Amino acid sequence: MSHEQKDHVVELNIQNSQDRALRLYLEPWGEELSIPPTVTYKVEARGPEGDFLQIEVVEGGVAVWGWPGSIVSIFHNEKVVAECRVPVPGTPTRIEVVRKRQDQ
């Protein structure tokens, strides 16, 4: 019997209410988009339950951080403008890090 893990879906809108373009950084993928003035982008993230997106305000923009196992798509007017399809790698536990250091 196989056990399939349900995807957890998180959606949020990022609206640029400034009179200049705003940078949108998708991390940890290293993707960068420009949100023109008065435009709203929808961020849709999918991944394992139990975690969430993190939003960081940075100079000139906003960084959206995926959680381990998540993928992200960005939409404008229901059209995809960016996709990060490689799942975020998991964070090693402290035990894994200690073992790797001991093996060196």
Protein backbone atom coordinates (compact mmCIF):
# COMPACT_ATOMS: atom_id res chain seq x y z
CA MET A 1 0.00 0.00 0.00
CA SER A 2 1.56 3.30 -1.04
CA HIS A 3 1.28 6.41 1.07
CA GLU A 4 1.18 9.60 -0.95
CA GLN A 5 1.95 12.82 0.83
CA LYS A 6 -0.55 15.61 0.20
CA ASP A 7 0.73 18.83 -1.27
CA HIS A 8 0.32 21.88 0.88
CA VAL A 9 -0.58 24.89 -1.30
CA VAL A 10 0.16 28.46 -0.25
CA GLU A 11 -0.94 31.44 -2.33
CA LEU A 12 -0.22 35.10 -1.75
CA ASN A 13 -0.40 38.29 -3.76
CA ILE A 14 2.45 40.77 -3.96
CA GLN A 15 1.30 44.17 -5.17
CA ASN A 16 3.67 46.92 -6.20
CA SER A 17 1.99 50.13 -5.08
CA GLN A 18 5.12 52.20 -5.71
CA ASP A 19 5.76 54.39 -8.73
CA ARG A 20 8.86 52.40 -9.68
CA ALA A 21 9.56 48.73 -10.38
CA LEU A 22 9.96 46.39 -7.41
CA ARG A 23 12.33 43.38 -7.44
CA LEU A 24 10.92 39.96 -6.55
CA TYR A 25 13.55 37.40 -5.55
CA LEU A 26 12.65 33.71 -5.46
CA GLU A 27 14.91 31.91 -3.05
CA PRO A 28 16.76 29.63 -2.85
CA TRP A 29 16.42 29.29 -6.65
CA GLY A 30 18.16 32.61 -7.32
CA GLU A 31 15.41 33.80 -9.69
CA GLU A 32 14.74 37.51 -9.97
CA LEU A 33 11.72 39.26 -11.47
CA SER A 34 10.68 42.87 -11.85
CA ILE A 35 7.18 43.87 -10.75
CA PRO A 36 6.14 47.01 -12.63
CA PRO A 37 4.30 49.81 -10.80
CA THR A 38 0.64 49.05 -9.91
CA VAL A 39 1.03 45.37 -10.91
CA THR A 40 0.16 42.41 -8.66
CA TYR A 41 1.84 39.00 -8.96
CA LYS A 42 0.37 35.88 -7.40
CA VAL A 43 2.84 33.52 -5.75
CA GLU A 44 1.74 29.88 -5.61
CA ALA A 45 3.88 27.43 -3.66
CA ARG A 46 3.34 23.67 -3.38
CA GLY A 47 5.16 21.27 -1.14
CA PRO A 48 4.98 19.00 1.87
CA GLU A 49 2.70 19.97 4.71
CA GLY A 50 4.20 21.31 7.89
CA ASP A 51 6.08 24.36 6.62
CA PHE A 52 5.40 27.67 4.89
CA LEU A 53 6.76 30.47 2.71
CA GLN A 54 8.93 33.11 4.28
CA ILE A 55 8.80 36.71 3.11
CA GLU A 56 11.74 39.05 3.53
CA VAL A 57 11.66 42.75 2.72
CA VAL A 58 14.98 43.68 1.10
CA GLU A 59 16.29 46.89 -0.37
CA GLY A 60 14.33 47.56 -3.55
CA GLY A 61 12.14 44.51 -3.28
CA VAL A 62 10.84 41.40 -1.63
CA ALA A 63 12.38 37.94 -1.30
CA VAL A 64 10.10 34.90 -1.14
CA TRP A 65 11.72 31.80 0.35
CA GLY A 66 10.36 28.33 -0.35
CA TRP A 67 10.42 25.58 2.26
CA PRO A 68 12.14 22.18 1.92
CA GLY A 69 10.43 20.15 -0.81
CA SER A 70 8.46 23.10 -2.21
CA ILE A 71 8.20 24.46 -5.74
CA VAL A 72 6.96 27.95 -6.69
CA SER A 73 5.08 29.49 -9.62
CA ILE A 74 4.47 33.19 -10.22
CA PHE A 75 1.36 34.39 -12.07
CA HIS A 76 0.25 37.70 -13.57
CA ASN A 77 -3.32 37.88 -14.89
CA GLU A 78 -3.53 34.07 -14.54
CA LYS A 79 -0.52 33.54 -16.84
CA VAL A 80 2.68 31.94 -15.57
CA VAL A 81 5.58 34.42 -15.59
CA ALA A 82 8.08 32.25 -13.68
CA GLU A 83 8.35 28.70 -12.40
CA CYS A 84 10.82 27.18 -9.98
CA ARG A 85 10.23 23.45 -10.54
CA VAL A 86 13.24 22.05 -8.68
CA PRO A 87 12.13 21.33 -5.10
CA VAL A 88 14.00 23.12 -2.33
CA PRO A 89 16.48 20.67 -0.82
CA GLY A 90 16.00 19.61 2.77
CA THR A 91 18.06 21.12 5.54
CA PRO A 92 20.44 18.61 7.09
CA THR A 93 19.82 17.78 10.70
CA ARG A 94 22.46 18.58 13.30
CA ILE A 95 23.39 14.89 13.53
CA GLU A 96 24.08 14.70 9.77
CA VAL A 97 26.30 17.79 9.94
CA VAL A 98 28.26 16.45 12.93
CA ARG A 99 28.79 13.08 11.19
CA LYS A 100 30.08 14.77 8.04
CA ARG A 101 32.54 16.85 10.07
CA GLN A 102 33.78 13.78 11.91
CA ASP A 103 34.37 11.96 8.60
CA GLN A 104 36.64 14.73 7.30
